[in-house]
Amino acid sequence: MERPENNDSQLILVQQNLRTLPQELVKKHADHVEQLDLSHNCLKDLSWLADFEQLRHLVLDSNRMHEAHLRTLTCPLPQLEVLMLNKNEFSDLPTTMRLIRKFFPNLQYLSLHGNPICPDGLELQPFSTYLRYDYEYYSNYIAQSLSKLKFLDHGLVQRTYKYESFPIKNYNGKQLIQTTSV
């Protein structure tokens, strides 16, 4: 099942048809793995991630995951710095960001290419101008949600909130974003 690796801090289990990580693999690897790649599986349960206290990089590309799968996490992973969720089925940006912020509070790199919430235009030709606005809104929303994020998808996080992109107050009159004048 495992691909042999020279580096004991990496565990790569790509295309293994996994719905969860078997308990024997969790026990064997949780205390030392820093990089985990579970791309191209069918993950439904992520509760076992709590045991990976050294995990810094997590790749969950192409798992048909959506927001409900993130809800299976049992506790935050504050040590996680890189999260790759490309080509999944995340479709609710506010819910996805709320869950990512809750479970991965110190992310520095996040990639969501190929999800319905990411207007990246990778499958659209030619790249139209309205997608640029959509991507700016998406990236600003994520930058607002994840204050420690440095890289999003394919580039540096730009924290240039535009007033037309974000409501300053919600319906209860509470301020949603903090603005400062330069």
C-alpha atoms as a PDB file:
ATOM      1  CA  MET A   1       0.000   0.000   0.000  1.00  0.00           C
ATOM      2  CA  GLU A   2       2.744   2.489   0.883  1.00  0.00           C
ATOM      3  CA  ARG A   3       5.225   3.767  -1.639  1.00  0.00           C
ATOM      4  CA  PRO A   4       8.742   3.361  -0.221  1.00  0.00           C
ATOM      5  CA  GLU A   5      10.261   6.692   0.700  1.00  0.00           C
ATOM      6  CA  ASN A   6      13.774   7.561   1.755  1.00  0.00           C
ATOM      7  CA  ASN A   7      12.450  10.273   4.017  1.00  0.00           C
ATOM      8  CA  ASP A   8      10.646   8.880   7.071  1.00  0.00           C
ATOM      9  CA  SER A   9       8.883  12.212   7.569  1.00  0.00           C
ATOM     10  CA  GLN A  10       6.839  11.675   4.368  1.00  0.00           C
ATOM     11  CA  LEU A  11       3.938   9.319   3.815  1.00  0.00           C
ATOM     12  CA  ILE A  12       2.530   9.046   0.306  1.00  0.00           C
ATOM     13  CA  LEU A  13      -0.632   7.013  -0.201  1.00  0.00           C
ATOM     14  CA  VAL A  14      -1.868   8.119  -3.615  1.00  0.00           C
ATOM     15  CA  GLN A  15      -4.615   6.203  -5.467  1.00  0.00           C
ATOM     16  CA  GLN A  16      -5.232   3.649  -2.722  1.00  0.00           C
ATOM     17  CA  ASN A  17      -9.048   3.925  -2.712  1.00  0.00           C
ATOM     18  CA  LEU A  18      -8.942   4.963   0.946  1.00  0.00           C
ATOM     19  CA  ARG A  19     -12.079   6.227   2.698  1.00  0.00           C
ATOM     20  CA  THR A  20     -10.135   6.789   5.921  1.00  0.00           C
ATOM     21  CA  LEU A  21      -6.591   6.097   7.044  1.00  0.00           C
ATOM     22  CA  PRO A  22      -6.377   2.609   8.571  1.00  0.00           C
ATOM     23  CA  GLN A  23      -5.647   2.638  12.299  1.00  0.00           C
ATOM     24  CA  GLU A  24      -2.493   0.532  11.878  1.00  0.00           C
ATOM     25  CA  LEU A  25      -1.018   3.204   9.572  1.00  0.00           C
ATOM     26  CA  VAL A  26      -2.017   5.960  11.982  1.00  0.00           C
ATOM     27  CA  LYS A  27      -0.254   4.176  14.853  1.00  0.00           C
ATOM     28  CA  LYS A  28       2.824   3.476  12.745  1.00  0.00           C
ATOM     29  CA  HIS A  29       3.276   6.977  11.276  1.00  0.00           C
ATOM     30  CA  ALA A  30       1.407   9.610  13.296  1.00  0.00           C
ATOM     31  CA  ASP A  31       4.265  10.501  15.636  1.00  0.00           C
ATOM     32  CA  HIS A  32       6.820  11.379  12.925  1.00  0.00           C
ATOM     33  CA  VAL A  33       5.151  12.206   9.581  1.00  0.00           C
ATOM     34  CA  GLU A  34       5.411  15.867   8.571  1.00  0.00           C
ATOM     35  CA  GLN A  35       4.238  15.522   4.962  1.00  0.00           C
ATOM     36  CA  LEU A  36       1.206  13.445   4.037  1.00  0.00           C
ATOM     37  CA  ASP A  37      -0.125  12.978   0.505  1.00  0.00           C
ATOM     38  CA  LEU A  38      -3.473  11.220   0.159  1.00  0.00           C
ATOM     39  CA  SER A  39      -4.354  12.452  -3.322  1.00  0.00           C
ATOM     40  CA  HIS A  40      -6.730  10.545  -5.576  1.00  0.00           C
ATOM     41  CA  ASN A  41      -8.529   8.588  -2.873  1.00  0.00           C
ATOM     42  CA  CYS A  42     -12.142   8.638  -1.639  1.00  0.00           C
ATOM     43  CA  LEU A  43     -11.639  10.064   1.844  1.00  0.00           C
ATOM     44  CA  LYS A  44     -14.807  10.489   3.889  1.00  0.00           C
ATOM     45  CA  ASP A  45     -13.424  10.576   7.435  1.00  0.00           C
ATOM     46  CA  LEU A  46     -10.554  12.794   8.617  1.00  0.00           C
ATOM     47  CA  SER A  47     -10.888  12.245  12.374  1.00  0.00           C
ATOM     48  CA  TRP A  48      -7.569  10.364  12.480  1.00  0.00           C
ATOM     49  CA  LEU A  49      -5.681  13.555  11.493  1.00  0.00           C
ATOM     50  CA  ALA A  50      -5.708  14.645  15.149  1.00  0.00           C
ATOM     51  CA  ASP A  51      -3.053  11.997  15.858  1.00  0.00           C
ATOM     52  CA  PHE A  52      -0.581  13.542  13.375  1.00  0.00           C
ATOM     53  CA  GLU A  53       0.912  16.149  15.688  1.00  0.00           C
ATOM     54  CA  GLN A  54       4.019  16.679  13.515  1.00  0.00           C
ATOM     55  CA  LEU A  55       2.089  17.172  10.275  1.00  0.00           C
ATOM     56  CA  ARG A  56       3.094  20.348   8.420  1.00  0.00           C
ATOM     57  CA  HIS A  57       2.030  19.590   4.814  1.00  0.00           C
ATOM     58  CA  LEU A  58      -1.230  17.861   3.869  1.00  0.00           C
ATOM     59  CA  VAL A  59      -2.259  17.052   0.295  1.00  0.00           C
ATOM     60  CA  LEU A  60      -5.854  15.906  -0.205  1.00  0.00           C
ATOM     61  CA  ASP A  61      -6.226  16.631  -3.921  1.00  0.00           C
ATOM     62  CA  SER A  62      -8.858  14.780  -5.969  1.00  0.00           C
ATOM     63  CA  ASN A  63     -10.782  13.125  -3.132  1.00  0.00           C
ATOM     64  CA  ARG A  64     -14.286  14.350  -4.040  1.00  0.00           C
ATOM     65  CA  MET A  65     -14.303  16.103  -0.656  1.00  0.00           C
ATOM     66  CA  HIS A  66     -16.713  18.843   0.368  1.00  0.00           C
ATOM     67  CA  GLU A  67     -17.447  20.807   3.544  1.00  0.00           C
ATOM     68  CA  ALA A  68     -18.998  17.845   5.385  1.00  0.00           C
ATOM     69  CA  HIS A  69     -15.699  15.969   5.212  1.00  0.00           C
ATOM     70  CA  LEU A  70     -13.886  18.775   7.042  1.00  0.00           C
ATOM     71  CA  ARG A  71     -16.504  18.514   9.792  1.00  0.00           C
ATOM     72  CA  THR A  72     -15.190  15.008  10.621  1.00  0.00           C
ATOM     73  CA  LEU A  73     -12.051  16.584  12.088  1.00  0.00           C
ATOM     74  CA  THR A  74     -12.035  16.330  15.879  1.00  0.00           C
ATOM     75  CA  CYS A  75      -9.600  19.081  16.846  1.00  0.00           C
ATOM     76  CA  PRO A  76      -7.486  21.839  15.296  1.00  0.00           C
ATOM     77  CA  LEU A  77      -4.101  21.146  13.733  1.00  0.00           C
ATOM     78  CA  PRO A  78      -2.246  24.364  14.591  1.00  0.00           C
ATOM     79  CA  GLN A  79       1.070  23.035  13.265  1.00  0.00           C
ATOM     80  CA  LEU A  80      -0.242  22.578   9.691  1.00  0.00           C
ATOM     81  CA  GLU A  81       1.246  25.148   7.303  1.00  0.00           C
ATOM     82  CA  VAL A  82       0.384  23.785   3.837  1.00  0.00           C
ATOM     83  CA  LEU A  83      -3.028  22.461   2.774  1.00  0.00           C
ATOM     84  CA  MET A  84      -3.741  21.309  -0.767  1.00  0.00           C
ATOM     85  CA  LEU A  85      -7.424  20.672  -1.525  1.00  0.00           C
ATOM     86  CA  ASN A  86      -7.315  20.927  -5.327  1.00  0.00           C
ATOM     87  CA  LYS A  87      -9.917  19.263  -7.541  1.00  0.00           C
ATOM     88  CA  ASN A  88     -12.462  18.490  -4.842  1.00  0.00           C
ATOM     89  CA  GLU A  89     -16.094  19.571  -4.479  1.00  0.00           C
ATOM     90  CA  PHE A  90     -15.966  22.521  -2.061  1.00  0.00           C
ATOM     91  CA  SER A  91     -18.870  24.748  -3.096  1.00  0.00           C
ATOM     92  CA  ASP A  92     -19.657  27.058  -0.136  1.00  0.00           C
ATOM     93  CA  LEU A  93     -16.881  29.615   0.351  1.00  0.00           C
ATOM     94  CA  PRO A  94     -18.002  31.017   3.759  1.00  0.00           C
ATOM     95  CA  THR A  95     -18.494  27.536   5.245  1.00  0.00           C
ATOM     96  CA  THR A  96     -15.243  26.216   3.808  1.00  0.00           C
ATOM     97  CA  MET A  97     -13.275  29.174   5.180  1.00  0.00           C
ATOM     98  CA  ARG A  98     -14.933  28.922   8.590  1.00  0.00           C
ATOM     99  CA  LEU A  99     -13.952  25.231   8.812  1.00  0.00           C
ATOM    100  CA  ILE A 100     -10.417  25.778   7.494  1.00  0.00           C
ATOM    101  CA  ARG A 101      -9.894  28.674   9.932  1.00  0.00           C
ATOM    102  CA  LYS A 102     -11.175  26.515  12.808  1.00  0.00           C
ATOM    103  CA  PHE A 103      -9.136  23.392  12.056  1.00  0.00           C
ATOM    104  CA  PHE A 104      -6.027  24.854  10.396  1.00  0.00           C
ATOM    105  CA  PRO A 105      -5.502  28.227  12.126  1.00  0.00           C
ATOM    106  CA  ASN A 106      -1.869  28.735  11.100  1.00  0.00           C
ATOM    107  CA  LEU A 107      -1.997  27.958   7.385  1.00  0.00           C
ATOM    108  CA  GLN A 108       0.548  29.738   5.260  1.00  0.00           C
ATOM    109  CA  TYR A 109      -0.272  28.048   1.931  1.00  0.00           C
ATOM    110  CA  LEU A 110      -3.695  26.982   0.691  1.00  0.00           C
ATOM    111  CA  SER A 111      -4.652  25.739  -2.753  1.00  0.00           C
ATOM    112  CA  LEU A 112      -8.245  25.211  -3.887  1.00  0.00           C
ATOM    113  CA  HIS A 113      -7.850  25.030  -7.687  1.00  0.00           C
ATOM    114  CA  GLY A 114     -10.527  23.032  -9.435  1.00  0.00           C
ATOM    115  CA  ASN A 115     -13.198  23.431  -6.736  1.00  0.00           C
ATOM    116  CA  PRO A 116     -16.532  25.136  -7.465  1.00  0.00           C
ATOM    117  CA  ILE A 117     -15.600  27.894  -4.973  1.00  0.00           C
ATOM    118  CA  CYS A 118     -12.409  28.773  -6.870  1.00  0.00           C
ATOM    119  CA  PRO A 119     -13.050  30.898  -9.965  1.00  0.00           C
ATOM    120  CA  ASP A 120      -9.591  30.172 -11.316  1.00  0.00           C
ATOM    121  CA  GLY A 121     -10.569  29.757 -14.948  1.00  0.00           C
ATOM    122  CA  LEU A 122      -8.336  26.734 -15.400  1.00  0.00           C
ATOM    123  CA  GLU A 123     -11.010  24.966 -17.436  1.00  0.00           C
ATOM    124  CA  LEU A 124     -12.380  28.063 -19.172  1.00  0.00           C
ATOM    125  CA  GLN A 125     -10.932  29.407 -22.409  1.00  0.00           C
ATOM    126  CA  PRO A 126     -10.369  32.229 -22.920  1.00  0.00           C
ATOM    127  CA  PHE A 127      -9.985  33.693 -19.445  1.00  0.00           C
ATOM    128  CA  SER A 128     -12.661  36.362 -19.346  1.00  0.00           C
ATOM    129  CA  THR A 129     -12.469  39.653 -17.494  1.00  0.00           C
ATOM    130  CA  TYR A 130     -15.357  38.905 -15.152  1.00  0.00           C
ATOM    131  CA  LEU A 131     -13.431  35.939 -13.774  1.00  0.00           C
ATOM    132  CA  ARG A 132     -10.636  38.285 -12.714  1.00  0.00           C
ATOM    133  CA  TYR A 133     -13.141  40.167 -10.535  1.00  0.00           C
ATOM    134  CA  ASP A 134     -14.533  36.887  -9.192  1.00  0.00           C
ATOM    135  CA  TYR A 135     -11.040  35.662  -8.366  1.00  0.00           C
ATOM    136  CA  GLU A 136     -10.221  38.956  -6.610  1.00  0.00           C
ATOM    137  CA  TYR A 137     -13.353  38.619  -4.499  1.00  0.00           C
ATOM    138  CA  TYR A 138     -12.525  34.977  -3.708  1.00  0.00           C
ATOM    139  CA  SER A 139      -8.892  35.714  -2.809  1.00  0.00           C
ATOM    140  CA  ASN A 140      -9.815  38.772  -0.724  1.00  0.00           C
ATOM    141  CA  TYR A 141     -12.418  36.745   1.151  1.00  0.00           C
ATOM    142  CA  ILE A 142      -9.854  34.041   1.927  1.00  0.00           C
ATOM    143  CA  ALA A 143      -7.182  36.582   2.911  1.00  0.00           C
ATOM    144  CA  GLN A 144      -9.697  38.177   5.277  1.00  0.00           C
ATOM    145  CA  SER A 145     -10.549  34.754   6.747  1.00  0.00           C
ATOM    146  CA  LEU A 146      -6.994  33.434   7.151  1.00  0.00           C
ATOM    147  CA  SER A 147      -4.762  36.178   8.523  1.00  0.00           C
ATOM    148  CA  LYS A 148      -1.521  34.127   8.443  1.00  0.00           C
ATOM    149  CA  LEU A 149      -1.931  32.953   4.854  1.00  0.00           C
ATOM    150  CA  LYS A 150       0.977  33.938   2.577  1.00  0.00           C
ATOM    151  CA  PHE A 151       0.216  31.957  -0.599  1.00  0.00           C
ATOM    152  CA  LEU A 152      -3.121  31.135  -2.189  1.00  0.00           C
ATOM    153  CA  ASP A 153      -3.461  28.819  -5.168  1.00  0.00           C
ATOM    154  CA  HIS A 154      -0.812  30.091  -7.572  1.00  0.00           C
ATOM    155  CA  GLY A 155       0.577  33.201  -5.954  1.00  0.00           C
ATOM    156  CA  LEU A 156       1.205  35.512  -3.052  1.00  0.00           C
ATOM    157  CA  VAL A 157      -1.802  36.584  -1.029  1.00  0.00           C
ATOM    158  CA  GLN A 158      -2.799  40.127  -1.871  1.00  0.00           C
ATOM    159  CA  ARG A 159      -4.608  41.872   0.960  1.00  0.00           C
ATOM    160  CA  THR A 160      -6.226  44.661  -1.030  1.00  0.00           C
ATOM    161  CA  TYR A 161      -9.793  44.746   0.183  1.00  0.00           C
ATOM    162  CA  LYS A 162     -12.075  46.599  -2.147  1.00  0.00           C
ATOM    163  CA  TYR A 163     -15.133  48.191  -0.663  1.00  0.00           C
ATOM    164  CA  GLU A 164     -17.327  47.045  -3.540  1.00  0.00           C
ATOM    165  CA  SER A 165     -16.249  43.452  -2.917  1.00  0.00           C
ATOM    166  CA  PHE A 166     -17.002  43.183   0.786  1.00  0.00           C
ATOM    167  CA  PRO A 167     -19.811  44.457   2.930  1.00  0.00           C
ATOM    168  CA  ILE A 168     -18.459  46.623   5.739  1.00  0.00           C
ATOM    169  CA  LYS A 169     -21.268  45.654   8.095  1.00  0.00           C
ATOM    170  CA  ASN A 170     -23.445  42.625   8.382  1.00  0.00           C
ATOM    171  CA  TYR A 171     -27.190  42.751   8.919  1.00  0.00           C
ATOM    172  CA  ASN A 172     -26.856  43.196  12.673  1.00  0.00           C
ATOM    173  CA  GLY A 173     -24.693  46.268  12.238  1.00  0.00           C
ATOM    174  CA  LYS A 174     -21.492  44.571  13.415  1.00  0.00           C
ATOM    175  CA  GLN A 175     -18.315  45.319  11.536  1.00  0.00           C
ATOM    176  CA  LEU A 176     -17.106  42.370   9.433  1.00  0.00           C
ATOM    177  CA  ILE A 177     -13.696  43.678   8.419  1.00  0.00           C
ATOM    178  CA  GLN A 178     -11.313  45.992  10.120  1.00  0.00           C
ATOM    179  CA  THR A 179     -10.041  48.755   7.891  1.00  0.00           C
ATOM    180  CA  THR A 180      -7.198  51.110   8.532  1.00  0.00           C
ATOM    181  CA  SER A 181      -6.239  54.187   6.614  1.00  0.00           C
ATOM    182  CA  VAL A 182      -2.729  54.486   5.276  1.00  0.00           C
END
